C-alpha atoms as a PDB file:
ATOM      1  CA  MET A   1     -34.212 -86.300  16.277  1.00  0.00           C
ATOM      2  CA  LYS A   2     -37.482 -87.955  15.303  1.00  0.00           C
ATOM      3  CA  ILE A   3     -38.292 -88.885  11.704  1.00  0.00           C
ATOM      4  CA  ARG A   4     -41.783 -89.961  10.770  1.00  0.00           C
ATOM      5  CA  HIS A   5     -42.731 -91.366   7.357  1.00  0.00           C
ATOM      6  CA  LEU A   6     -45.983 -90.729   5.521  1.00  0.00           C
ATOM      7  CA  PRO A   7     -47.052 -92.758   2.443  1.00  0.00           C
ATOM      8  CA  LEU A   8     -49.456 -91.586  -0.234  1.00  0.00           C
ATOM      9  CA  TRP A   9     -52.002 -94.298   0.635  1.00  0.00           C
ATOM     10  CA  PRO A  10     -52.497 -97.025   3.254  1.00  0.00           C
ATOM     11  CA  PHE A  11     -50.479-100.160   2.567  1.00  0.00           C
ATOM     12  CA  SER A  12     -53.617-102.196   3.199  1.00  0.00           C
ATOM     13  CA  VAL A  13     -54.927-100.767  -0.108  1.00  0.00           C
ATOM     14  CA  HIS A  14     -51.911-101.507  -2.287  1.00  0.00           C
ATOM     15  CA  VAL A  15     -48.255-102.444  -1.855  1.00  0.00           C
ATOM     16  CA  GLY A  16     -45.932-102.222  -4.840  1.00  0.00           C
ATOM     17  CA  GLY A  17     -42.216-101.754  -5.255  1.00  0.00           C
ATOM     18  CA  PHE A  18     -42.264 -98.141  -4.049  1.00  0.00           C
ATOM     19  CA  GLU A  19     -44.083 -99.079  -0.849  1.00  0.00           C
ATOM     20  CA  ILE A  20     -41.661-101.951  -0.228  1.00  0.00           C
ATOM     21  CA  GLN A  21     -38.819 -99.471  -0.610  1.00  0.00           C
ATOM     22  CA  ALA A  22     -40.442 -97.178   1.961  1.00  0.00           C
ATOM     23  CA  LYS A  23     -40.488-100.024   4.491  1.00  0.00           C
ATOM     24  CA  ARG A  24     -36.890-100.976   3.734  1.00  0.00           C
ATOM     25  CA  PHE A  25     -35.826 -97.335   4.021  1.00  0.00           C
ATOM     26  CA  ILE A  26     -37.341 -97.040   7.502  1.00  0.00           C
ATOM     27  CA  GLN A  27     -35.612-100.266   8.553  1.00  0.00           C
ATOM     28  CA  ALA A  28     -32.295 -98.935   7.236  1.00  0.00           C
ATOM     29  CA  CYS A  29     -32.787 -95.707   9.195  1.00  0.00           C
ATOM     30  CA  VAL A  30     -33.495 -97.603  12.416  1.00  0.00           C
ATOM     31  CA  ALA A  31     -30.411 -99.770  11.848  1.00  0.00           C
ATOM     32  CA  ALA A  32     -28.393 -96.557  11.470  1.00  0.00           C
ATOM     33  CA  GLY A  33     -29.517 -95.450  14.934  1.00  0.00           C
ATOM     34  CA  LEU A  34     -32.306 -93.063  13.924  1.00  0.00           C
ATOM     35  CA  ASP A  35     -35.688 -92.732  15.598  1.00  0.00           C
ATOM     36  CA  ALA A  36     -37.665 -93.485  12.440  1.00  0.00           C
ATOM     37  CA  ALA A  37     -41.157 -94.946  12.097  1.00  0.00           C
ATOM     38  CA  PRO A  38     -44.426 -94.518  10.170  1.00  0.00           C
ATOM     39  CA  LEU A  39     -46.331 -91.408  11.229  1.00  0.00           C
ATOM     40  CA  ALA A  40     -49.245 -92.119  13.549  1.00  0.00           C
ATOM     41  CA  MET A  41     -51.732 -89.772  11.889  1.00  0.00           C
ATOM     42  CA  MET A  42     -54.231 -89.634  14.775  1.00  0.00           C
ATOM     43  CA  ASP A  43     -51.744 -89.552  17.655  1.00  0.00           C
ATOM     44  CA  GLU A  44     -51.192 -85.977  18.848  1.00  0.00           C
ATOM     45  CA  GLY A  45     -48.133 -87.093  20.779  1.00  0.00           C
ATOM     46  CA  ASP A  46     -46.303 -88.466  17.755  1.00  0.00           C
ATOM     47  CA  ARG A  47     -44.338 -85.287  17.132  1.00  0.00           C
ATOM     48  CA  ALA A  48     -41.438 -85.366  14.690  1.00  0.00           C
ATOM     49  CA  ASP A  49     -38.547 -83.132  13.679  1.00  0.00           C
ATOM     50  CA  VAL A  50     -38.697 -84.400  10.096  1.00  0.00           C
ATOM     51  CA  ILE A  51     -41.650 -85.732   8.131  1.00  0.00           C
ATOM     52  CA  HIS A  52     -40.625 -87.882   5.182  1.00  0.00           C
ATOM     53  CA  TYR A  53     -43.285 -88.161   2.480  1.00  0.00           C
ATOM     54  CA  TRP A  54     -43.361 -90.961  -0.088  1.00  0.00           C
ATOM     55  CA  GLY A  55     -44.501 -89.364  -3.320  1.00  0.00           C
ATOM     56  CA  LEU A  56     -44.375 -85.870  -4.807  1.00  0.00           C
ATOM     57  CA  HIS A  57     -48.112 -85.250  -4.783  1.00  0.00           C
ATOM     58  CA  TRP A  58     -50.311 -82.223  -4.189  1.00  0.00           C
ATOM     59  CA  THR A  59     -52.405 -84.083  -1.584  1.00  0.00           C
ATOM     60  CA  PHE A  60     -49.488 -83.729   0.850  1.00  0.00           C
ATOM     61  CA  GLY A  61     -49.662 -79.941   0.574  1.00  0.00           C
ATOM     62  CA  GLN A  62     -51.814 -79.233   3.630  1.00  0.00           C
ATOM     63  CA  THR A  63     -49.781 -81.529   5.856  1.00  0.00           C
ATOM     64  CA  MET A  64     -46.552 -79.936   4.635  1.00  0.00           C
ATOM     65  CA  THR A  65     -47.940 -76.446   5.286  1.00  0.00           C
ATOM     66  CA  TRP A  66     -48.818 -77.293   8.886  1.00  0.00           C
ATOM     67  CA  ALA A  67     -45.470 -79.024   9.339  1.00  0.00           C
ATOM     68  CA  LYS A  68     -43.639 -75.921   8.109  1.00  0.00           C
ATOM     69  CA  ARG A  69     -45.592 -73.706  10.494  1.00  0.00           C
ATOM     70  CA  ALA A  70     -44.619 -76.017  13.330  1.00  0.00           C
ATOM     71  CA  GLY A  71     -40.941 -75.748  12.431  1.00  0.00           C
ATOM     72  CA  LYS A  72     -40.566 -79.241  11.014  1.00  0.00           C
ATOM     73  CA  LYS A  73     -38.585 -80.230   7.946  1.00  0.00           C
ATOM     74  CA  ASN A  74     -40.291 -81.800   4.936  1.00  0.00           C
ATOM     75  CA  VAL A  75     -38.450 -84.496   2.984  1.00  0.00           C
ATOM     76  CA  VAL A  76     -39.932 -86.179  -0.099  1.00  0.00           C
ATOM     77  CA  THR A  77     -38.855 -89.338  -1.895  1.00  0.00           C
ATOM     78  CA  ALA A  78     -40.202 -89.300  -5.455  1.00  0.00           C
ATOM     79  CA  LEU A  79     -40.033 -91.349  -8.622  1.00  0.00           C
ATOM     80  CA  LEU A  80     -40.012 -88.820 -11.432  1.00  0.00           C
ATOM     81  CA  PRO A  81     -40.756 -89.492 -15.111  1.00  0.00           C
ATOM     82  CA  SER A  82     -37.817 -89.946 -17.452  1.00  0.00           C
ATOM     83  CA  VAL A  83     -37.212 -87.176 -19.955  1.00  0.00           C
ATOM     84  CA  PRO A  84     -37.509 -88.371 -23.581  1.00  0.00           C
ATOM     85  CA  THR A  85     -34.329 -88.381 -25.637  1.00  0.00           C
ATOM     86  CA  SER A  86     -35.541 -86.669 -28.831  1.00  0.00           C
ATOM     87  CA  ALA A  87     -35.843 -82.877 -29.005  1.00  0.00           C
ATOM     88  CA  THR A  88     -39.509 -83.057 -30.077  1.00  0.00           C
ATOM     89  CA  SER A  89     -40.450 -85.391 -27.242  1.00  0.00           C
ATOM     90  CA  ARG A  90     -38.535 -83.280 -24.721  1.00  0.00           C
ATOM     91  CA  SER A  91     -40.462 -80.189 -25.842  1.00  0.00           C
ATOM     92  CA  ALA A  92     -43.770 -82.039 -25.470  1.00  0.00           C
ATOM     93  CA  PHE A  93     -42.713 -83.225 -22.018  1.00  0.00           C
ATOM     94  CA  PHE A  94     -41.906 -79.665 -20.956  1.00  0.00           C
ATOM     95  CA  VAL A  95     -45.228 -78.354 -22.317  1.00  0.00           C
ATOM     96  CA  ARG A  96     -47.161 -81.018 -20.397  1.00  0.00           C
ATOM     97  CA  ARG A  97     -45.322 -80.064 -17.212  1.00  0.00           C
ATOM     98  CA  MET A  98     -46.193 -76.388 -17.710  1.00  0.00           C
ATOM     99  CA  MET A  99     -49.867 -77.182 -18.414  1.00  0.00           C
ATOM    100  CA  ARG A 100     -50.141 -79.216 -15.231  1.00  0.00           C
ATOM    101  CA  ARG A 101     -48.701 -76.295 -13.286  1.00  0.00           C
ATOM    102  CA  LEU A 102     -51.192 -73.884 -14.831  1.00  0.00           C
ATOM    103  CA  ILE A 103     -54.457 -75.841 -14.738  1.00  0.00           C
ATOM    104  CA  GLY A 104     -54.070 -78.627 -12.203  1.00  0.00           C
ATOM    105  CA  PRO A 105     -53.474 -78.883  -8.465  1.00  0.00           C
ATOM    106  CA  ARG A 106     -49.805 -78.912  -7.626  1.00  0.00           C
ATOM    107  CA  LEU A 107     -47.488 -79.116  -4.673  1.00  0.00           C
ATOM    108  CA  PRO A 108     -45.495 -75.894  -4.129  1.00  0.00           C
ATOM    109  CA  ILE A 109     -41.866 -76.990  -4.115  1.00  0.00           C
ATOM    110  CA  SER A 110     -41.143 -74.242  -1.570  1.00  0.00           C
ATOM    111  CA  LEU A 111     -42.707 -76.585   1.000  1.00  0.00           C
ATOM    112  CA  VAL A 112     -40.084 -79.270   0.275  1.00  0.00           C
ATOM    113  CA  ASP A 113     -36.825 -78.907   2.211  1.00  0.00           C
ATOM    114  CA  ALA A 114     -35.185 -81.895   0.539  1.00  0.00           C
ATOM    115  CA  LEU A 115     -36.070 -84.136  -2.376  1.00  0.00           C
ATOM    116  CA  VAL A 116     -34.695 -87.680  -2.542  1.00  0.00           C
ATOM    117  CA  VAL A 117     -34.415 -89.345  -5.963  1.00  0.00           C
ATOM    118  CA  VAL A 118     -32.814 -92.650  -6.955  1.00  0.00           C
ATOM    119  CA  SER A 119     -30.332 -91.592  -9.656  1.00  0.00           C
ATOM    120  CA  GLU A 120     -28.348 -88.705 -11.075  1.00  0.00           C
ATOM    121  CA  GLU A 121     -30.637 -88.792 -14.118  1.00  0.00           C
ATOM    122  CA  GLN A 122     -33.644 -88.234 -11.842  1.00  0.00           C
ATOM    123  CA  ARG A 123     -31.769 -85.442 -10.076  1.00  0.00           C
ATOM    124  CA  ARG A 124     -31.306 -83.614 -13.384  1.00  0.00           C
ATOM    125  CA  VAL A 125     -35.031 -83.986 -14.128  1.00  0.00           C
ATOM    126  CA  ALA A 126     -35.929 -82.571 -10.692  1.00  0.00           C
ATOM    127  CA  ILE A 127     -33.723 -79.529 -11.194  1.00  0.00           C
ATOM    128  CA  ARG A 128     -34.413 -78.787 -14.849  1.00  0.00           C
ATOM    129  CA  PHE A 129     -38.098 -79.648 -15.224  1.00  0.00           C
ATOM    130  CA  TYR A 130     -39.469 -79.306 -11.689  1.00  0.00           C
ATOM    131  CA  GLY A 131     -37.485 -76.283 -10.575  1.00  0.00           C
ATOM    132  CA  PHE A 132     -35.814 -77.717  -7.473  1.00  0.00           C
ATOM    133  CA  ARG A 133     -32.641 -76.030  -6.260  1.00  0.00           C
ATOM    134  CA  PRO A 134     -29.603 -78.288  -6.881  1.00  0.00           C
ATOM    135  CA  GLU A 135     -28.593 -78.188  -3.223  1.00  0.00           C
ATOM    136  CA  SER A 136     -32.006 -79.521  -2.168  1.00  0.00           C
ATOM    137  CA  VAL A 137     -31.944 -82.705  -4.308  1.00  0.00           C
ATOM    138  CA  PHE A 138     -30.228 -85.818  -2.967  1.00  0.00           C
ATOM    139  CA  VAL A 139     -29.540 -89.143  -4.680  1.00  0.00           C
ATOM    140  CA  ILE A 140     -30.211 -92.247  -2.575  1.00  0.00           C
ATOM    141  CA  PRO A 141     -30.801 -95.372  -4.687  1.00  0.00           C
ATOM    142  CA  HIS A 142     -33.261 -98.146  -4.018  1.00  0.00           C
ATOM    143  CA  ILE A 143     -32.333-100.709  -1.394  1.00  0.00           C
ATOM    144  CA  VAL A 144     -31.462-104.305  -2.169  1.00  0.00           C
ATOM    145  CA  ALA A 145     -32.451-106.317   0.918  1.00  0.00           C
ATOM    146  CA  GLY A 146     -29.915-108.127   3.068  1.00  0.00           C
ATOM    147  CA  PRO A 147     -30.585-111.732   1.911  1.00  0.00           C
ATOM    148  CA  TYR A 148     -29.289-110.915  -1.586  1.00  0.00           C
ATOM    149  CA  TRP A 149     -25.854-109.803  -0.409  1.00  0.00           C
ATOM    150  CA  LYS A 150     -22.821-112.073  -0.076  1.00  0.00           C
ATOM    151  CA  ARG A 151     -24.444-114.727  -2.252  1.00  0.00           C
ATOM    152  CA  SER A 152     -23.134-116.051  -5.556  1.00  0.00           C
ATOM    153  CA  PRO A 153     -25.116-117.496  -8.466  1.00  0.00           C
ATOM    154  CA  GLU A 154     -25.252-121.292  -8.674  1.00  0.00           C
ATOM    155  CA  PRO A 155     -26.723-122.024 -12.140  1.00  0.00           C
ATOM    156  CA  GLY A 156     -27.522-125.635 -12.940  1.00  0.00           C
ATOM    157  CA  SER A 157     -26.573-127.591 -16.035  1.00  0.00           C
ATOM    158  CA  GLU A 158     -29.504-125.992 -17.900  1.00  0.00           C
ATOM    159  CA  PRO A 159     -29.542-122.350 -16.779  1.00  0.00           C
ATOM    160  CA  TYR A 160     -32.753-120.416 -17.124  1.00  0.00           C
ATOM    161  CA  VAL A 161     -33.669-116.768 -17.616  1.00  0.00           C
ATOM    162  CA  LEU A 162     -35.411-115.173 -14.632  1.00  0.00           C
ATOM    163  CA  CYS A 163     -37.916-112.324 -14.553  1.00  0.00           C
ATOM    164  CA  THR A 164     -39.572-111.103 -11.339  1.00  0.00           C
ATOM    165  CA  GLY A 165     -42.036-108.363 -10.449  1.00  0.00           C
ATOM    166  CA  ASN A 166     -45.745-107.577 -10.493  1.00  0.00           C
ATOM    167  CA  ILE A 167     -47.367-108.965 -13.624  1.00  0.00           C
ATOM    168  CA  CYS A 168     -48.842-106.171 -15.724  1.00  0.00           C
ATOM    169  CA  PRO A 169     -48.666-104.674 -19.246  1.00  0.00           C
ATOM    170  CA  ARG A 170     -46.110-102.079 -18.135  1.00  0.00           C
ATOM    171  CA  LYS A 171     -43.628-104.772 -17.151  1.00  0.00           C
ATOM    172  CA  ASN A 172     -44.382-106.606 -20.403  1.00  0.00           C
ATOM    173  CA  GLN A 173     -43.949-110.193 -19.206  1.00  0.00           C
ATOM    174  CA  LEU A 174     -46.152-111.413 -22.062  1.00  0.00           C
ATOM    175  CA  ALA A 175     -43.504-110.426 -24.627  1.00  0.00           C
ATOM    176  CA  LEU A 176     -40.884-112.366 -22.679  1.00  0.00           C
ATOM    177  CA  ILE A 177     -43.153-115.419 -22.405  1.00  0.00           C
ATOM    178  CA  ARG A 178     -43.818-115.372 -26.142  1.00  0.00           C
ATOM    179  CA  ALA A 179     -40.111-114.958 -26.874  1.00  0.00           C
ATOM    180  CA  ALA A 180     -39.335-118.028 -24.735  1.00  0.00           C
ATOM    181  CA  ALA A 181     -42.057-119.982 -26.532  1.00  0.00           C
ATOM    182  CA  SER A 182     -40.683-118.949 -29.915  1.00  0.00           C
ATOM    183  CA  GLU A 183     -36.941-119.189 -29.237  1.00  0.00           C
ATOM    184  CA  GLY A 184     -37.001-122.183 -26.875  1.00  0.00           C
ATOM    185  CA  PHE A 185     -34.970-120.819 -23.952  1.00  0.00           C
ATOM    186  CA  ARG A 186     -35.875-121.780 -20.380  1.00  0.00           C
ATOM    187  CA  LEU A 187     -37.778-119.069 -18.507  1.00  0.00           C
ATOM    188  CA  VAL A 188     -38.851-118.713 -14.873  1.00  0.00           C
ATOM    189  CA  ILE A 189     -41.270-115.973 -13.832  1.00  0.00           C
ATOM    190  CA  SER A 190     -42.341-114.817 -10.381  1.00  0.00           C
ATOM    191  CA  GLY A 191     -44.765-112.089  -9.375  1.00  0.00           C
ATOM    192  CA  ALA A 192     -48.282-111.221  -8.335  1.00  0.00           C
ATOM    193  CA  PRO A 193     -50.913-109.838 -10.688  1.00  0.00           C
ATOM    194  CA  MET A 194     -51.104-106.062 -10.481  1.00  0.00           C
ATOM    195  CA  PRO A 195     -54.503-104.942  -9.124  1.00  0.00           C
ATOM    196  CA  GLY A 196     -56.816-104.237 -12.060  1.00  0.00           C
ATOM    197  CA  GLN A 197     -54.711-106.329 -14.459  1.00  0.00           C
ATOM    198  CA  GLN A 198     -56.317-109.740 -13.924  1.00  0.00           C
ATOM    199  CA  ALA A 199     -57.069-110.216 -17.628  1.00  0.00           C
ATOM    200  CA  TYR A 200     -53.425-109.655 -18.557  1.00  0.00           C
ATOM    201  CA  TYR A 201     -52.349-112.024 -15.787  1.00  0.00           C
ATOM    202  CA  GLU A 202     -54.717-114.735 -17.040  1.00  0.00           C
ATOM    203  CA  THR A 203     -53.366-114.333 -20.569  1.00  0.00           C
ATOM    204  CA  CYS A 204     -49.822-114.798 -19.286  1.00  0.00           C
ATOM    205  CA  LEU A 205     -50.817-117.924 -17.350  1.00  0.00           C
ATOM    206  CA  ALA A 206     -52.549-119.403 -20.396  1.00  0.00           C
ATOM    207  CA  GLU A 207     -49.432-118.900 -22.536  1.00  0.00           C
ATOM    208  CA  ILE A 208     -47.190-120.370 -19.825  1.00  0.00           C
ATOM    209  CA  LYS A 209     -49.313-123.526 -19.577  1.00  0.00           C
ATOM    210  CA  ARG A 210     -48.718-124.234 -23.261  1.00  0.00           C
ATOM    211  CA  CYS A 211     -44.918-124.227 -22.897  1.00  0.00           C
ATOM    212  CA  SER A 212     -42.911-126.861 -21.051  1.00  0.00           C
ATOM    213  CA  ASN A 213     -39.842-124.590 -20.988  1.00  0.00           C
ATOM    214  CA  ILE A 214     -41.582-121.875 -18.941  1.00  0.00           C
ATOM    215  CA  ARG A 215     -42.300-122.085 -15.213  1.00  0.00           C
ATOM    216  CA  TYR A 216     -44.351-119.723 -13.048  1.00  0.00           C
ATOM    217  CA  LEU A 217     -43.423-119.643  -9.355  1.00  0.00           C
ATOM    218  CA  GLY A 218     -46.349-117.529  -8.226  1.00  0.00           C
ATOM    219  CA  ASN A 219     -46.044-114.607  -5.825  1.00  0.00           C
ATOM    220  CA  LEU A 220     -43.089-115.252  -3.517  1.00  0.00           C
ATOM    221  CA  ASP A 221     -41.947-113.466  -0.361  1.00  0.00           C
ATOM    222  CA  GLU A 222     -39.714-110.626  -1.580  1.00  0.00           C
ATOM    223  CA  GLN A 223     -36.964-111.594   0.882  1.00  0.00           C
ATOM    224  CA  GLY A 224     -37.793-115.281   1.182  1.00  0.00           C
ATOM    225  CA  GLU A 225     -35.387-118.110   0.496  1.00  0.00           C
ATOM    226  CA  GLU A 226     -37.454-119.396  -2.432  1.00  0.00           C
ATOM    227  CA  LEU A 227     -37.210-116.125  -4.360  1.00  0.00           C
ATOM    228  CA  VAL A 228     -33.556-115.585  -3.432  1.00  0.00           C
ATOM    229  CA  GLY A 229     -32.909-119.157  -4.550  1.00  0.00           C
ATOM    230  CA  ALA A 230     -34.583-118.470  -7.891  1.00  0.00           C
ATOM    231  CA  TYR A 231     -32.030-115.708  -8.467  1.00  0.00           C
ATOM    232  CA  LEU A 232     -29.103-117.851  -7.330  1.00  0.00           C
ATOM    233  CA  HIS A 233     -29.935-120.737  -9.655  1.00  0.00           C
ATOM    234  CA  ALA A 234     -30.699-118.596 -12.714  1.00  0.00           C
ATOM    235  CA  GLY A 235     -28.329-118.071 -15.591  1.00  0.00           C
ATOM    236  CA  ALA A 236     -29.452-114.531 -16.448  1.00  0.00           C
ATOM    237  CA  PHE A 237     -32.072-111.886 -15.694  1.00  0.00           C
ATOM    238  CA  ILE A 238     -34.191-110.069 -18.283  1.00  0.00           C
ATOM    239  CA  LEU A 239     -36.698-107.248 -17.837  1.00  0.00           C
ATOM    240  CA  LEU A 240     -38.650-105.969 -20.846  1.00  0.00           C
ATOM    241  CA  SER A 241     -40.533-103.293 -18.929  1.00  0.00           C
ATOM    242  CA  HIS A 242     -41.682-100.303 -20.964  1.00  0.00           C
ATOM    243  CA  LEU A 243     -41.379 -97.874 -18.062  1.00  0.00           C
ATOM    244  CA  GLU A 244     -39.386 -97.945 -14.822  1.00  0.00           C
ATOM    245  CA  THR A 245     -37.445 -95.607 -12.604  1.00  0.00           C
ATOM    246  CA  GLN A 246     -34.929 -97.960 -11.011  1.00  0.00           C
ATOM    247  CA  PRO A 247     -36.188-101.569 -11.074  1.00  0.00           C
ATOM    248  CA  VAL A 248     -35.283-103.307  -7.829  1.00  0.00           C
ATOM    249  CA  SER A 249     -35.628-106.743  -9.429  1.00  0.00           C
ATOM    250  CA  ALA A 250     -32.755-105.915 -11.779  1.00  0.00           C
ATOM    251  CA  LEU A 251     -30.672-104.614  -8.866  1.00  0.00           C
ATOM    252  CA  GLU A 252     -31.312-107.835  -6.930  1.00  0.00           C
ATOM    253  CA  ALA A 253     -30.163-109.864  -9.921  1.00  0.00           C
ATOM    254  CA  ALA A 254     -27.055-107.713 -10.247  1.00  0.00           C
ATOM    255  CA  VAL A 255     -26.180-108.009  -6.558  1.00  0.00           C
ATOM    256  CA  VAL A 256     -26.163-111.824  -6.679  1.00  0.00           C
ATOM    257  CA  GLY A 257     -23.948-111.633  -9.763  1.00  0.00           C
ATOM    258  CA  LEU A 258     -26.312-112.427 -12.627  1.00  0.00           C
ATOM    259  CA  PRO A 259     -25.823-110.910 -16.081  1.00  0.00           C
ATOM    260  CA  VAL A 260     -28.651-108.454 -16.686  1.00  0.00           C
ATOM    261  CA  ALA A 261     -30.482-107.415 -19.838  1.00  0.00           C
ATOM    262  CA  LEU A 262     -32.997-104.567 -19.979  1.00  0.00           C
ATOM    263  CA  LEU A 263     -35.185-103.142 -22.697  1.00  0.00           C
ATOM    264  CA  ASP A 264     -33.423-100.139 -24.219  1.00  0.00           C
ATOM    265  CA  ARG A 265     -35.415 -97.425 -22.457  1.00  0.00           C
ATOM    266  CA  PRO A 266     -34.252 -94.439 -20.376  1.00  0.00           C
ATOM    267  CA  TYR A 267     -34.314 -96.393 -17.083  1.00  0.00           C
ATOM    268  CA  GLY A 268     -31.830 -98.890 -18.513  1.00  0.00           C
ATOM    269  CA  ARG A 269     -29.315 -96.180 -19.372  1.00  0.00           C
ATOM    270  CA  GLN A 270     -28.781 -94.876 -15.845  1.00  0.00           C
ATOM    271  CA  GLN A 271     -25.351 -95.208 -14.246  1.00  0.00           C
ATOM    272  CA  LEU A 272     -26.144 -98.298 -12.172  1.00  0.00           C
ATOM    273  CA  PHE A 273     -27.180-100.254 -15.282  1.00  0.00           C
ATOM    274  CA  ARG A 274     -24.435 -99.079 -17.584  1.00  0.00           C
ATOM    275  CA  ALA A 275     -22.978-102.608 -17.892  1.00  0.00           C
ATOM    276  CA  ALA A 276     -26.326-104.296 -18.539  1.00  0.00           C
ATOM    277  CA  LEU A 277     -27.147-105.550 -22.031  1.00  0.00           C
ATOM    278  CA  LYS A 278     -29.711-103.329 -23.773  1.00  0.00           C
ATOM    279  CA  ILE A 279     -32.339-105.082 -25.894  1.00  0.00           C
ATOM    280  CA  PRO A 280     -33.443-102.854 -28.816  1.00  0.00           C
ATOM    281  CA  THR A 281     -37.047-104.108 -29.004  1.00  0.00           C
ATOM    282  CA  PRO A 282     -39.162-106.701 -27.152  1.00  0.00           C
ATOM    283  CA  SER A 283     -39.478-108.804 -30.312  1.00  0.00           C
ATOM    284  CA  SER A 284     -38.852-112.538 -29.949  1.00  0.00           C
ATOM    285  CA  GLY A 285     -35.829-112.340 -32.244  1.00  0.00           C
ATOM    286  CA  ASP A 286     -34.155-109.558 -30.255  1.00  0.00           C
ATOM    287  CA  VAL A 287     -34.890-111.271 -26.944  1.00  0.00           C
ATOM    288  CA  GLY A 288     -33.599-114.613 -28.208  1.00  0.00           C
ATOM    289  CA  LEU A 289     -30.368-112.991 -29.373  1.00  0.00           C
ATOM    290  CA  ALA A 290     -30.005-111.294 -25.972  1.00  0.00           C
ATOM    291  CA  VAL A 291     -30.387-114.633 -24.174  1.00  0.00           C
ATOM    292  CA  GLN A 292     -27.621-116.135 -26.321  1.00  0.00           C
ATOM    293  CA  LYS A 293     -25.307-113.230 -25.465  1.00  0.00           C
ATOM    294  CA  LEU A 294     -26.071-113.389 -21.739  1.00  0.00           C
ATOM    295  CA  LEU A 295     -25.522-117.124 -21.395  1.00  0.00           C
ATOM    296  CA  SER A 296     -22.454-117.310 -23.632  1.00  0.00           C
ATOM    297  CA  ASN A 297     -20.681-114.328 -22.042  1.00  0.00           C
ATOM    298  CA  PRO A 298     -22.177-113.743 -18.573  1.00  0.00           C
ATOM    299  CA  LYS A 299     -19.187-111.769 -17.274  1.00  0.00           C
ATOM    300  CA  GLY A 300     -19.692-109.207 -20.027  1.00  0.00           C
ATOM    301  CA  PHE A 301     -23.057-108.083 -18.648  1.00  0.00           C
ATOM    302  CA  ARG A 302     -22.539-108.249 -14.895  1.00  0.00           C
ATOM    303  CA  ILE A 303     -22.719-104.989 -12.990  1.00  0.00           C
ATOM    304  CA  PRO A 304     -19.555-104.384 -10.901  1.00  0.00           C
ATOM    305  CA  SER A 305     -20.117-104.811  -7.170  1.00  0.00           C
ATOM    306  CA  SER A 306     -18.409-101.461  -6.541  1.00  0.00           C
ATOM    307  CA  GLU A 307     -21.242 -99.697  -8.369  1.00  0.00           C
ATOM    308  CA  LEU A 308     -23.902-101.593  -6.424  1.00  0.00           C
ATOM    309  CA  ALA A 309     -22.514-100.824  -2.949  1.00  0.00           C
ATOM    310  CA  SER A 310     -24.707 -97.731  -2.611  1.00  0.00           C
ATOM    311  CA  THR A 311     -27.822 -99.961  -2.663  1.00  0.00           C
ATOM    312  CA  HIS A 312     -26.817-101.860   0.497  1.00  0.00           C
ATOM    313  CA  PRO A 313     -29.135-101.159   3.472  1.00  0.00           C
ATOM    314  CA  ASP A 314     -26.224 -99.964   5.629  1.00  0.00           C
ATOM    315  CA  ARG A 315     -25.102 -97.448   3.015  1.00  0.00           C
ATOM    316  CA  VAL A 316     -28.632 -96.147   2.539  1.00  0.00           C
ATOM    317  CA  GLY A 317     -29.077 -95.787   6.307  1.00  0.00           C
ATOM    318  CA  VAL A 318     -25.904 -93.702   6.546  1.00  0.00           C
ATOM    319  CA  ALA A 319     -26.967 -91.540   3.582  1.00  0.00           C
ATOM    320  CA  ALA A 320     -30.388 -90.943   5.150  1.00  0.00           C
ATOM    321  CA  ALA A 321     -28.851 -90.035   8.522  1.00  0.00           C
ATOM    322  CA  THR A 322     -26.485 -87.583   6.829  1.00  0.00           C
ATOM    323  CA  LEU A 323     -29.394 -85.921   5.029  1.00  0.00           C
ATOM    324  CA  TYR A 324     -31.607 -85.609   8.104  1.00  0.00           C
ATOM    325  CA  ARG A 325     -28.803 -84.241  10.276  1.00  0.00           C
ATOM    326  CA  ALA A 326     -27.871 -81.678   7.644  1.00  0.00           C
ATOM    327  CA  LEU A 327     -31.475 -80.416   7.653  1.00  0.00           C
ATOM    328  CA  THR A 328     -31.849 -80.269  11.419  1.00  0.00           C
ATOM    329  CA  ASP A 329     -28.252 -79.377  12.397  1.00  0.00           C
ATOM    330  CA  VAL A 330     -28.276 -82.318  14.849  1.00  0.00           C
END
């Protein structure tokens, strides 16, 4: 059985968390004994039994149609939007979905043999709002890379709060920087500027330079010893992101045993983050109070290792193999 993976755009154009997950997923599949690799688009001999697409996007439609005609199976991994909690917002969300179906290009879900999402919450969204059959939607969480496993935190005498990830308004690092400046807690930040967000990045750097209690590590190798070490020596992890699906940075922090705090948004309420501290607002006062809670009672906001096991590369590889074999009867 051959599995070939197809991203939405070339990685030479942009690589974010989703693209990193695609690479880790392929590696996990290979480790599980599968013949998995990126699809060679211009190689007529690169024939596959399953084509795995990264993104639920209408531009894949033609490829999926030809794949179906050739008897191949189409698998999609997608990050779906969270459904708002209020009845009014849910209604507006549903109306927007219906309008997109009526007036915009869309991908017929009949072309998709299996949809992979990262959480049960995302699975419910796929079934209720996108119309996928329950038996066609599979939950396989994001992967936490090997270097983060079997390591324990080693905070120093003055533990700091860590935040990692691409620097952009969505991830809201500026609010965390200003909270550290106002409340006086030690903060370490790592991440590259998101393409197109240079002005925001420069603002963050300017604020950091004014504060002796804040340190910026730059853009570190996502599996390198320096970044892993930053997690190990931290006292806590905080993410004030406005919008996420399943933030890998928070999972990495949880795997090494750090207490985790997330902004109280839908992504923070999923099963994997149930034990994490929820911060009501990104205000300096709320963030400062969260830091006090995390550092004074770290065990209270650690995610149990039993709940994180599904994010191990070996477990993901087995889950992927099970899915592919069920589709192809191999």
